[in-house]
Structure formats: C-alpha cells, structure tokens
C-alpha cells in the first residue's frame, strides 16, 4: 500500500482548529507527511 499523507489548507488563523487537526493526524491516522497548501495566516493566533 502507498504512503499516507495529510493535506491541510485554509487555516486562516484558527489555531485551535489547526491544533485539533494535527493532533488527530498524529494520533489516529498513521500519516507519514503533512502538506500545507497555503492560507496559514497565524499572525493573530
């Protein structure tokens, strides 16, 4: 079977949602790589 990857995008400063998603990725999905496609405006997080 191929590698498992996760793709995240459009976070728009929602750091609490980002933390929850990363936690799920790390703990449940056995993902090898996380790719971000953009829109990571975390300046005000």
Protein backbone atom coordinates (compact mmCIF):
# COMPACT_ATOMS: atom_id res chain seq x y z
CA UNK A 1 0.00 0.00 0.00
CA UNK A 2 1.19 3.58 -0.63
CA UNK A 3 2.26 6.23 1.81
CA UNK A 4 -0.32 8.03 3.89
CA UNK A 5 -0.25 11.81 3.65
CA UNK A 6 -2.38 14.59 5.09
CA UNK A 7 -3.18 17.84 3.30
CA UNK A 8 -4.26 20.94 5.20
CA UNK A 9 -5.26 24.31 3.82
CA UNK A 10 -7.29 27.43 4.58
CA UNK A 11 -6.46 27.66 8.28
CA UNK A 12 -6.98 31.45 8.28
CA UNK A 13 -5.66 31.98 11.81
CA UNK A 14 -7.82 29.34 13.50
CA UNK A 15 -5.01 27.95 15.62
CA UNK A 16 -7.25 25.90 17.91
CA UNK A 17 -8.74 24.05 14.93
CA UNK A 18 -5.27 23.55 13.45
CA UNK A 19 -4.02 22.04 16.72
CA UNK A 20 -7.01 19.68 16.81
CA UNK A 21 -6.45 18.55 13.22
CA UNK A 22 -2.73 17.99 13.76
CA UNK A 23 -3.48 16.05 16.94
CA UNK A 24 -5.88 13.79 15.02
CA UNK A 25 -3.38 13.32 12.21
CA UNK A 26 -0.58 12.39 14.61
CA UNK A 27 -2.60 10.14 16.90
CA UNK A 28 -5.07 8.32 14.66
CA UNK A 29 -4.13 8.27 11.02
CA UNK A 30 -0.53 6.98 10.88
CA UNK A 31 0.36 9.75 8.43
CA UNK A 32 3.94 9.96 7.17
CA UNK A 33 3.87 13.55 5.85
CA UNK A 34 1.70 16.65 6.32
CA UNK A 35 1.50 19.10 3.42
CA UNK A 36 0.14 22.62 3.70
CA UNK A 37 -1.33 24.16 0.56
CA UNK A 38 -1.46 27.68 1.94
CA UNK A 39 -3.58 30.28 3.73
CA UNK A 40 -1.80 29.90 7.07
CA UNK A 41 -2.33 33.43 8.43
CA UNK A 42 -1.49 32.76 12.09
CA UNK A 43 -0.27 36.26 12.96
CA UNK A 44 -3.16 36.89 15.35
CA UNK A 45 -3.34 33.35 16.76
